[in-house]
PDB file of N, CA and C in Angstrom:
ATOM      1  N   UNK A   1     -76.701   5.030  78.487  1.00  0.00           N
ATOM      2  CA  UNK A   1     -75.297   4.326  78.710  1.00  0.00           C
ATOM      3  C   UNK A   1     -74.810   5.364  79.644  1.00  0.00           C
ATOM      4  N   UNK A   2     -74.949   6.439  80.285  1.00  0.00           N
ATOM      5  CA  UNK A   2     -74.411   7.256  81.075  1.00  0.00           C
ATOM      6  C   UNK A   2     -75.606   6.283  82.184  1.00  0.00           C
ATOM      7  N   UNK A   3     -76.463   6.739  82.427  1.00  0.00           N
ATOM      8  CA  UNK A   3     -76.753   5.972  83.424  1.00  0.00           C
ATOM      9  C   UNK A   3     -76.200   4.541  84.024  1.00  0.00           C
ATOM     10  N   UNK A   4     -75.986   3.319  83.078  1.00  0.00           N
ATOM     11  CA  UNK A   4     -75.428   2.378  83.134  1.00  0.00           C
ATOM     12  C   UNK A   4     -74.106   2.635  84.159  1.00  0.00           C
ATOM     13  N   UNK A   5     -73.150   3.419  83.396  1.00  0.00           N
ATOM     14  CA  UNK A   5     -71.708   4.120  83.281  1.00  0.00           C
ATOM     15  C   UNK A   5     -72.047   4.655  85.336  1.00  0.00           C
ATOM     16  N   UNK A   6     -72.710   5.002  85.306  1.00  0.00           N
ATOM     17  CA  UNK A   6     -73.049   5.643  87.005  1.00  0.00           C
ATOM     18  C   UNK A   6     -73.232   4.782  88.049  1.00  0.00           C
ATOM     19  N   UNK A   7     -74.427   4.041  87.517  1.00  0.00           N
ATOM     20  CA  UNK A   7     -74.974   2.499  88.853  1.00  0.00           C
ATOM     21  C   UNK A   7     -73.801   2.001  88.583  1.00  0.00           C
ATOM     22  N   UNK A   8     -72.992   1.370  87.466  1.00  0.00           N
ATOM     23  CA  UNK A   8     -71.785   0.627  87.652  1.00  0.00           C
ATOM     24  C   UNK A   8     -70.246   1.133  88.526  1.00  0.00           C
ATOM     25  N   UNK A   9     -70.467   2.340  88.650  1.00  0.00           N
ATOM     26  CA  UNK A   9     -69.479   3.227  89.338  1.00  0.00           C
ATOM     27  C   UNK A   9     -69.878   3.095  91.100  1.00  0.00           C
ATOM     28  N   UNK A  10     -71.431   3.448  91.064  1.00  0.00           N
ATOM     29  CA  UNK A  10     -71.837   3.521  92.526  1.00  0.00           C
ATOM     30  C   UNK A  10     -71.849   1.758  93.390  1.00  0.00           C
ATOM     31  N   UNK A  11     -71.534   0.852  91.930  1.00  0.00           N
ATOM     32  CA  UNK A  11     -71.566  -0.419  93.035  1.00  0.00           C
ATOM     33  C   UNK A  11     -70.943  -0.969  93.329  1.00  0.00           C
ATOM     34  N   UNK A  12     -69.616  -0.345  92.402  1.00  0.00           N
ATOM     35  CA  UNK A  12     -68.466  -0.440  92.625  1.00  0.00           C
ATOM     36  C   UNK A  12     -67.538   0.300  94.170  1.00  0.00           C
ATOM     37  N   UNK A  13     -68.295   1.487  94.421  1.00  0.00           N
ATOM     38  CA  UNK A  13     -68.116   1.917  95.630  1.00  0.00           C
ATOM     39  C   UNK A  13     -68.654   1.400  96.462  1.00  0.00           C
ATOM     40  N   UNK A  14     -69.697   1.220  96.243  1.00  0.00           N
ATOM     41  CA  UNK A  14     -70.557   0.334  97.381  1.00  0.00           C
ATOM     42  C   UNK A  14     -70.015  -0.996  98.422  1.00  0.00           C
ATOM     43  N   UNK A  15     -69.564  -1.886  97.340  1.00  0.00           N
ATOM     44  CA  UNK A  15     -68.806  -3.084  97.676  1.00  0.00           C
ATOM     45  C   UNK A  15     -67.432  -3.026  98.054  1.00  0.00           C
ATOM     46  N   UNK A  16     -66.856  -1.449  97.586  1.00  0.00           N
ATOM     47  CA  UNK A  16     -65.554  -1.716  98.157  1.00  0.00           C
ATOM     48  C   UNK A  16     -65.801  -0.429  99.478  1.00  0.00           C
ATOM     49  N   UNK A  17     -66.418   0.005  99.474  1.00  0.00           N
ATOM     50  CA  UNK A  17     -66.691   0.195 100.994  1.00  0.00           C
ATOM     51  C   UNK A  17     -67.054  -1.342 101.973  1.00  0.00           C
ATOM     52  N   UNK A  18     -67.895  -1.640 101.405  1.00  0.00           N
ATOM     53  CA  UNK A  18     -68.198  -2.875 102.281  1.00  0.00           C
ATOM     54  C   UNK A  18     -66.919  -3.544 102.324  1.00  0.00           C
ATOM     55  N   UNK A  19     -66.111  -3.751 101.834  1.00  0.00           N
ATOM     56  CA  UNK A  19     -64.903  -4.649 101.707  1.00  0.00           C
ATOM     57  C   UNK A  19     -64.155  -3.759 103.063  1.00  0.00           C
ATOM     58  N   UNK A  20     -63.707  -2.659 102.143  1.00  0.00           N
ATOM     59  CA  UNK A  20     -62.740  -1.873 103.793  1.00  0.00           C
ATOM     60  C   UNK A  20     -63.616  -1.573 105.262  1.00  0.00           C
ATOM     61  N   UNK A  21     -65.082  -2.080 104.757  1.00  0.00           N
ATOM     62  CA  UNK A  21     -65.469  -1.323 106.141  1.00  0.00           C
ATOM     63  C   UNK A  21     -65.435  -2.698 107.018  1.00  0.00           C
ATOM     64  N   UNK A  22     -65.046  -3.712 106.823  1.00  0.00           N
ATOM     65  CA  UNK A  22     -64.901  -4.751 107.522  1.00  0.00           C
ATOM     66  C   UNK A  22     -63.309  -5.303 107.735  1.00  0.00           C
ATOM     67  N   UNK A  23     -62.411  -4.216 107.205  1.00  0.00           N
ATOM     68  CA  UNK A  23     -61.010  -4.110 107.580  1.00  0.00           C
ATOM     69  C   UNK A  23     -60.606  -3.495 109.384  1.00  0.00           C
ATOM     70  N   UNK A  24     -60.195  -3.878 109.732  1.00  0.00           N
ATOM     71  CA  UNK A  24     -59.686  -2.846 111.033  1.00  0.00           C
ATOM     72  C   UNK A  24     -58.551  -1.533 110.829  1.00  0.00           C
ATOM     73  N   UNK A  25     -58.913  -0.592 111.052  1.00  0.00           N
ATOM     74  CA  UNK A  25     -58.183   0.419 110.923  1.00  0.00           C
ATOM     75  C   UNK A  25     -56.460   0.360 110.888  1.00  0.00           C
ATOM     76  N   UNK A  26     -55.700  -0.885 111.284  1.00  0.00           N
ATOM     77  CA  UNK A  26     -54.553  -0.962 111.402  1.00  0.00           C
ATOM     78  C   UNK A  26     -54.352  -1.910 109.990  1.00  0.00           C
ATOM     79  N   UNK A  27     -55.321  -2.838 109.936  1.00  0.00           N
ATOM     80  CA  UNK A  27     -54.532  -3.302 108.679  1.00  0.00           C
ATOM     81  C   UNK A  27     -55.468  -2.643 106.989  1.00  0.00           C
ATOM     82  N   UNK A  28     -56.172  -1.958 107.297  1.00  0.00           N
ATOM     83  CA  UNK A  28     -56.258  -0.824 106.016  1.00  0.00           C
ATOM     84  C   UNK A  28     -55.038   0.224 106.046  1.00  0.00           C
ATOM     85  N   UNK A  29     -54.227   0.998 107.214  1.00  0.00           N
ATOM     86  CA  UNK A  29     -52.968   1.606 106.695  1.00  0.00           C
ATOM     87  C   UNK A  29     -51.966   0.813 106.704  1.00  0.00           C
ATOM     88  N   UNK A  30     -51.881  -0.495 106.710  1.00  0.00           N
ATOM     89  CA  UNK A  30     -51.104  -1.971 106.286  1.00  0.00           C
ATOM     90  C   UNK A  30     -51.257  -1.512 104.687  1.00  0.00           C
ATOM     91  N   UNK A  31     -52.587  -2.331 104.259  1.00  0.00           N
ATOM     92  CA  UNK A  31     -53.032  -2.610 103.112  1.00  0.00           C
ATOM     93  C   UNK A  31     -51.858  -0.784 102.218  1.00  0.00           C
ATOM     94  N   UNK A  32     -52.915   0.073 102.811  1.00  0.00           N
ATOM     95  CA  UNK A  32     -52.489   1.572 101.731  1.00  0.00           C
ATOM     96  C   UNK A  32     -50.752   1.682 101.967  1.00  0.00           C
ATOM     97  N   UNK A  33     -49.860   1.453 102.488  1.00  0.00           N
ATOM     98  CA  UNK A  33     -48.350   1.421 102.830  1.00  0.00           C
ATOM     99  C   UNK A  33     -47.807   0.664 101.989  1.00  0.00           C
ATOM    100  N   UNK A  34     -48.477  -0.323 102.173  1.00  0.00           N
ATOM    101  CA  UNK A  34     -47.653  -1.817 100.987  1.00  0.00           C
ATOM    102  C   UNK A  34     -47.970  -1.582  99.390  1.00  0.00           C
ATOM    103  N   UNK A  35     -49.367  -0.571  99.595  1.00  0.00           N
ATOM    104  CA  UNK A  35     -49.827  -0.114  98.132  1.00  0.00           C
ATOM    105  C   UNK A  35     -48.589   1.021  97.785  1.00  0.00           C
ATOM    106  N   UNK A  36     -48.435   1.824  98.473  1.00  0.00           N
ATOM    107  CA  UNK A  36     -47.520   2.883  98.380  1.00  0.00           C
ATOM    108  C   UNK A  36     -46.886   2.512  98.171  1.00  0.00           C
ATOM    109  N   UNK A  37     -45.452   1.521  98.653  1.00  0.00           N
ATOM    110  CA  UNK A  37     -44.264   0.924  98.498  1.00  0.00           C
ATOM    111  C   UNK A  37     -44.336   0.052  97.147  1.00  0.00           C
ATOM    112  N   UNK A  38     -45.085  -0.565  97.195  1.00  0.00           N
ATOM    113  CA  UNK A  38     -44.815  -1.886  95.849  1.00  0.00           C
ATOM    114  C   UNK A  38     -44.869  -0.511  94.858  1.00  0.00           C
ATOM    115  N   UNK A  39     -45.762   0.309  94.639  1.00  0.00           N
ATOM    116  CA  UNK A  39     -45.311   1.067  93.192  1.00  0.00           C
ATOM    117  C   UNK A  39     -44.710   2.188  93.412  1.00  0.00           C
ATOM    118  N   UNK A  40     -44.282   2.555  95.030  1.00  0.00           N
ATOM    119  CA  UNK A  40     -43.045   3.447  94.645  1.00  0.00           C
ATOM    120  C   UNK A  40     -41.570   3.220  94.486  1.00  0.00           C
ATOM    121  N   UNK A  41     -41.464   1.547  94.356  1.00  0.00           N
ATOM    122  CA  UNK A  41     -40.679   0.634  94.210  1.00  0.00           C
ATOM    123  C   UNK A  41     -40.534   0.337  92.335  1.00  0.00           C
ATOM    124  N   UNK A  42     -41.975   0.209  92.322  1.00  0.00           N
ATOM    125  CA  UNK A  42     -42.164  -0.153  90.640  1.00  0.00           C
ATOM    126  C   UNK A  42     -41.307   1.453  89.915  1.00  0.00           C
ATOM    127  N   UNK A  43     -41.716   2.461  90.407  1.00  0.00           N
ATOM    128  CA  UNK A  43     -41.240   3.731  90.003  1.00  0.00           C
ATOM    129  C   UNK A  43     -40.603   4.024  89.897  1.00  0.00           C
ATOM    130  N   UNK A  44     -39.937   3.445  90.845  1.00  0.00           N
ATOM    131  CA  UNK A  44     -38.311   3.922  91.054  1.00  0.00           C
ATOM    132  C   UNK A  44     -37.695   2.738  89.585  1.00  0.00           C
ATOM    133  N   UNK A  45     -37.677   2.003  90.261  1.00  0.00           N
ATOM    134  CA  UNK A  45     -37.298   0.806  88.953  1.00  0.00           C
ATOM    135  C   UNK A  45     -36.931   1.491  88.018  1.00  0.00           C
ATOM    136  N   UNK A  46     -38.488   1.601  87.391  1.00  0.00           N
ATOM    137  CA  UNK A  46     -38.648   2.321  85.728  1.00  0.00           C
ATOM    138  C   UNK A  46     -37.376   3.227  85.898  1.00  0.00           C
ATOM    139  N   UNK A  47     -37.411   4.246  86.502  1.00  0.00           N
ATOM    140  CA  UNK A  47     -36.628   5.351  86.161  1.00  0.00           C
ATOM    141  C   UNK A  47     -35.171   5.710  85.741  1.00  0.00           C
ATOM    142  N   UNK A  48     -34.883   4.636  86.701  1.00  0.00           N
ATOM    143  CA  UNK A  48     -33.253   4.328  86.806  1.00  0.00           C
ATOM    144  C   UNK A  48     -32.980   3.153  85.742  1.00  0.00           C
ATOM    145  N   UNK A  49     -33.885   2.716  85.458  1.00  0.00           N
ATOM    146  CA  UNK A  49     -33.928   1.766  84.214  1.00  0.00           C
ATOM    147  C   UNK A  49     -33.753   2.290  83.239  1.00  0.00           C
ATOM    148  N   UNK A  50     -34.621   3.240  83.148  1.00  0.00           N
ATOM    149  CA  UNK A  50     -34.521   3.856  81.933  1.00  0.00           C
ATOM    150  C   UNK A  50     -33.507   4.930  81.607  1.00  0.00           C
ATOM    151  N   UNK A  51     -33.123   4.917  83.191  1.00  0.00           N
ATOM    152  CA  UNK A  51     -31.704   6.731  83.220  1.00  0.00           C
ATOM    153  C   UNK A  51     -30.392   5.390  82.374  1.00  0.00           C
ATOM    154  N   UNK A  52     -30.465   4.117  83.144  1.00  0.00           N
ATOM    155  CA  UNK A  52     -29.110   3.252  82.348  1.00  0.00           C
ATOM    156  C   UNK A  52     -29.126   3.162  81.658  1.00  0.00           C
ATOM    157  N   UNK A  53     -30.209   2.501  80.319  1.00  0.00           N
ATOM    158  CA  UNK A  53     -30.412   2.787  79.347  1.00  0.00           C
ATOM    159  C   UNK A  53     -30.579   3.515  77.904  1.00  0.00           C
ATOM    160  N   UNK A  54     -30.219   4.927  78.511  1.00  0.00           N
ATOM    161  CA  UNK A  54     -30.029   6.000  77.818  1.00  0.00           C
ATOM    162  C   UNK A  54     -28.264   6.038  77.083  1.00  0.00           C
ATOM    163  N   UNK A  55     -28.951   5.821  75.629  1.00  0.00           N
ATOM    164  CA  UNK A  55     -27.250   6.208  75.506  1.00  0.00           C
ATOM    165  C   UNK A  55     -26.487   4.214  74.587  1.00  0.00           C
ATOM    166  N   UNK A  56     -27.012   3.802  75.365  1.00  0.00           N
ATOM    167  CA  UNK A  56     -26.721   2.419  75.122  1.00  0.00           C
ATOM    168  C   UNK A  56     -27.859   1.032  74.040  1.00  0.00           C
ATOM    169  N   UNK A  57     -27.090   0.120  73.493  1.00  0.00           N
ATOM    170  CA  UNK A  57     -27.918  -0.588  72.414  1.00  0.00           C
ATOM    171  C   UNK A  57     -28.374  -0.298  71.099  1.00  0.00           C
ATOM    172  N   UNK A  58     -29.697  -0.183  70.963  1.00  0.00           N
ATOM    173  CA  UNK A  58     -30.382   0.057  69.934  1.00  0.00           C
ATOM    174  C   UNK A  58     -30.356   1.939  69.464  1.00  0.00           C
ATOM    175  N   UNK A  59     -30.326   2.232  70.915  1.00  0.00           N
ATOM    176  CA  UNK A  59     -29.829   4.028  70.848  1.00  0.00           C
ATOM    177  C   UNK A  59     -29.275   4.904  69.803  1.00  0.00           C
ATOM    178  N   UNK A  60     -27.732   3.879  69.877  1.00  0.00           N
ATOM    179  CA  UNK A  60     -26.657   4.215  68.843  1.00  0.00           C
ATOM    180  C   UNK A  60     -26.904   4.519  67.256  1.00  0.00           C
ATOM    181  N   UNK A  61     -27.928   3.458  67.063  1.00  0.00           N
ATOM    182  CA  UNK A  61     -28.067   3.816  65.498  1.00  0.00           C
ATOM    183  C   UNK A  61     -28.990   5.006  65.390  1.00  0.00           C
ATOM    184  N   UNK A  62     -29.272   5.728  66.036  1.00  0.00           N
ATOM    185  CA  UNK A  62     -29.980   7.199  65.803  1.00  0.00           C
ATOM    186  C   UNK A  62     -29.008   8.406  64.840  1.00  0.00           C
ATOM    187  N   UNK A  63     -29.895   9.323  64.355  1.00  0.00           N
ATOM    188  CA  UNK A  63     -28.518   9.798  63.054  1.00  0.00           C
ATOM    189  C   UNK A  63     -28.658  11.150  63.908  1.00  0.00           C
ATOM    190  N   UNK A  64     -27.762  11.682  63.511  1.00  0.00           N
ATOM    191  CA  UNK A  64     -27.104  12.932  63.869  1.00  0.00           C
ATOM    192  C   UNK A  64     -27.905  13.885  63.994  1.00  0.00           C
ATOM    193  N   UNK A  65     -27.934  14.966  65.146  1.00  0.00           N
ATOM    194  CA  UNK A  65     -28.899  15.903  65.284  1.00  0.00           C
ATOM    195  C   UNK A  65     -27.935  17.479  64.270  1.00  0.00           C
ATOM    196  N   UNK A  66     -28.511  17.986  62.916  1.00  0.00           N
ATOM    197  CA  UNK A  66     -27.787  18.680  62.162  1.00  0.00           C
ATOM    198  C   UNK A  66     -28.501  20.286  62.737  1.00  0.00           C
ATOM    199  N   UNK A  67     -27.904  21.081  61.648  1.00  0.00           N
ATOM    200  CA  UNK A  67     -28.173  22.643  61.985  1.00  0.00           C
ATOM    201  C   UNK A  67     -29.446  22.861  61.364  1.00  0.00           C
ATOM    202  N   UNK A  68     -29.493  24.041  62.331  1.00  0.00           N
ATOM    203  CA  UNK A  68     -31.015  24.297  61.390  1.00  0.00           C
ATOM    204  C   UNK A  68     -30.953  25.074  60.574  1.00  0.00           C
ATOM    205  N   UNK A  69     -31.359  24.825  59.353  1.00  0.00           N
ATOM    206  CA  UNK A  69     -30.751  26.071  58.229  1.00  0.00           C
ATOM    207  C   UNK A  69     -32.387  26.878  57.955  1.00  0.00           C
ATOM    208  N   UNK A  70     -31.941  27.623  56.901  1.00  0.00           N
ATOM    209  CA  UNK A  70     -32.770  28.333  56.933  1.00  0.00           C
ATOM    210  C   UNK A  70     -33.896  27.964  55.590  1.00  0.00           C
ATOM    211  N   UNK A  71     -35.279  27.699  55.941  1.00  0.00           N
ATOM    212  CA  UNK A  71     -35.683  27.498  54.125  1.00  0.00           C
ATOM    213  C   UNK A  71     -35.991  28.557  52.895  1.00  0.00           C
ATOM    214  N   UNK A  72     -35.909  27.984  51.923  1.00  0.00           N
ATOM    215  CA  UNK A  72     -35.820  28.925  50.362  1.00  0.00           C
ATOM    216  C   UNK A  72     -37.579  29.205  50.505  1.00  0.00           C
ATOM    217  N   UNK A  73     -37.435  30.594  50.786  1.00  0.00           N
ATOM    218  CA  UNK A  73     -38.595  31.422  50.401  1.00  0.00           C
ATOM    219  C   UNK A  73     -38.355  31.313  48.337  1.00  0.00           C
ATOM    220  N   UNK A  74     -39.584  31.827  48.281  1.00  0.00           N
ATOM    221  CA  UNK A  74     -40.159  32.627  46.655  1.00  0.00           C
ATOM    222  C   UNK A  74     -39.456  34.066  46.785  1.00  0.00           C
ATOM    223  N   UNK A  75     -38.800  33.729  45.542  1.00  0.00           N
ATOM    224  CA  UNK A  75     -38.250  35.214  45.754  1.00  0.00           C
ATOM    225  C   UNK A  75     -39.392  36.441  45.322  1.00  0.00           C
ATOM    226  N   UNK A  76     -40.013  37.521  45.660  1.00  0.00           N
ATOM    227  CA  UNK A  76     -40.918  38.774  45.165  1.00  0.00           C
ATOM    228  C   UNK A  76     -40.916  38.405  43.681  1.00  0.00           C
ATOM    229  N   UNK A  77     -40.081  38.621  43.041  1.00  0.00           N
ATOM    230  CA  UNK A  77     -40.057  38.805  41.546  1.00  0.00           C
ATOM    231  C   UNK A  77     -41.015  37.439  40.901  1.00  0.00           C
ATOM    232  N   UNK A  78     -41.001  36.294  41.474  1.00  0.00           N
ATOM    233  CA  UNK A  78     -40.911  35.035  40.563  1.00  0.00           C
ATOM    234  C   UNK A  78     -42.502  35.246  40.266  1.00  0.00           C
ATOM    235  N   UNK A  79     -42.962  34.642  38.953  1.00  0.00           N
ATOM    236  CA  UNK A  79     -44.397  34.446  39.035  1.00  0.00           C
ATOM    237  C   UNK A  79     -44.651  33.527  39.535  1.00  0.00           C
ATOM    238  N   UNK A  80     -44.205  32.705  39.538  1.00  0.00           N
ATOM    239  CA  UNK A  80     -44.815  31.059  40.215  1.00  0.00           C
ATOM    240  C   UNK A  80     -45.353  31.641  41.352  1.00  0.00           C
ATOM    241  N   UNK A  81     -44.949  32.255  42.138  1.00  0.00           N
ATOM    242  CA  UNK A  81     -44.970  32.720  43.727  1.00  0.00           C
ATOM    243  C   UNK A  81     -46.179  33.233  43.941  1.00  0.00           C
ATOM    244  N   UNK A  82     -47.246  32.785  44.539  1.00  0.00           N
ATOM    245  CA  UNK A  82     -48.506  33.389  44.533  1.00  0.00           C
ATOM    246  C   UNK A  82     -48.548  34.992  45.311  1.00  0.00           C
ATOM    247  N   UNK A  83     -49.459  36.090  44.792  1.00  0.00           N
ATOM    248  CA  UNK A  83     -49.445  36.592  46.382  1.00  0.00           C
ATOM    249  C   UNK A  83     -50.850  37.012  46.795  1.00  0.00           C
ATOM    250  N   UNK A  84     -51.381  35.822  47.431  1.00  0.00           N
ATOM    251  CA  UNK A  84     -52.763  35.853  47.636  1.00  0.00           C
ATOM    252  C   UNK A  84     -52.989  36.827  48.583  1.00  0.00           C
ATOM    253  N   UNK A  85     -52.363  37.461  48.820  1.00  0.00           N
ATOM    254  CA  UNK A  85     -52.745  38.973  49.688  1.00  0.00           C
ATOM    255  C   UNK A  85     -53.190  40.381  48.707  1.00  0.00           C
ATOM    256  N   UNK A  86     -52.625  40.341  47.337  1.00  0.00           N
ATOM    257  CA  UNK A  86     -53.261  41.142  46.940  1.00  0.00           C
ATOM    258  C   UNK A  86     -53.999  41.050  45.802  1.00  0.00           C
ATOM    259  N   UNK A  87     -54.075  39.465  45.632  1.00  0.00           N
ATOM    260  CA  UNK A  87     -55.089  38.710  44.365  1.00  0.00           C
ATOM    261  C   UNK A  87     -54.316  38.615  43.418  1.00  0.00           C
ATOM    262  N   UNK A  88     -53.173  38.544  43.123  1.00  0.00           N
ATOM    263  CA  UNK A  88     -52.060  38.108  42.384  1.00  0.00           C
ATOM    264  C   UNK A  88     -51.428  37.026  42.893  1.00  0.00           C
ATOM    265  N   UNK A  89     -51.732  35.662  41.396  1.00  0.00           N
ATOM    266  CA  UNK A  89     -51.468  34.838  42.042  1.00  0.00           C
ATOM    267  C   UNK A  89     -52.166  33.878  42.935  1.00  0.00           C
ATOM    268  N   UNK A  90     -51.667  32.694  43.318  1.00  0.00           N
ATOM    269  CA  UNK A  90     -52.519  32.180  44.545  1.00  0.00           C
ATOM    270  C   UNK A  90     -53.954  30.890  43.793  1.00  0.00           C
ATOM    271  N   UNK A  91     -53.861  31.114  42.072  1.00  0.00           N
ATOM    272  CA  UNK A  91     -55.016  30.290  41.316  1.00  0.00           C
ATOM    273  C   UNK A  91     -56.348  31.676  41.308  1.00  0.00           C
ATOM    274  N   UNK A  92     -55.998  32.890  41.544  1.00  0.00           N
ATOM    275  CA  UNK A  92     -57.169  33.667  40.811  1.00  0.00           C
ATOM    276  C   UNK A  92     -57.244  33.794  39.237  1.00  0.00           C
ATOM    277  N   UNK A  93     -56.192  33.681  38.842  1.00  0.00           N
ATOM    278  CA  UNK A  93     -56.571  33.789  37.284  1.00  0.00           C
ATOM    279  C   UNK A  93     -56.789  32.890  36.797  1.00  0.00           C
ATOM    280  N   UNK A  94     -57.233  32.520  35.949  1.00  0.00           N
ATOM    281  CA  UNK A  94     -57.658  31.612  34.889  1.00  0.00           C
ATOM    282  C   UNK A  94     -57.034  31.138  34.007  1.00  0.00           C
ATOM    283  N   UNK A  95     -56.122  29.713  33.880  1.00  0.00           N
ATOM    284  CA  UNK A  95     -55.530  28.981  33.256  1.00  0.00           C
ATOM    285  C   UNK A  95     -55.865  28.578  32.246  1.00  0.00           C
ATOM    286  N   UNK A  96     -55.113  28.673  30.087  1.00  0.00           N
ATOM    287  CA  UNK A  96     -56.426  28.385  29.801  1.00  0.00           C
ATOM    288  C   UNK A  96     -55.035  27.522  29.171  1.00  0.00           C
TER     289      UNK A  96
END
């Protein structure tokens, strides 16, 4: 499978080089700049569209952010709380 992928990659690279070899350097530059401008324009559109949509529409139904609360920990004297470090609780004893 690895050889197949490697062969396919080399074939695609050879075809791309053959295609680009037929283009003059000026046309290569024009093609590269065109692709660059199209991708940059798409990127700018997506970013500004996302920024514009923040706080609009379905985002209003989001729940509010609450304060952080401390978790309720087991008390040290509670027999239900296992102390697996000292070997007490935590499943070490046999329940009958």
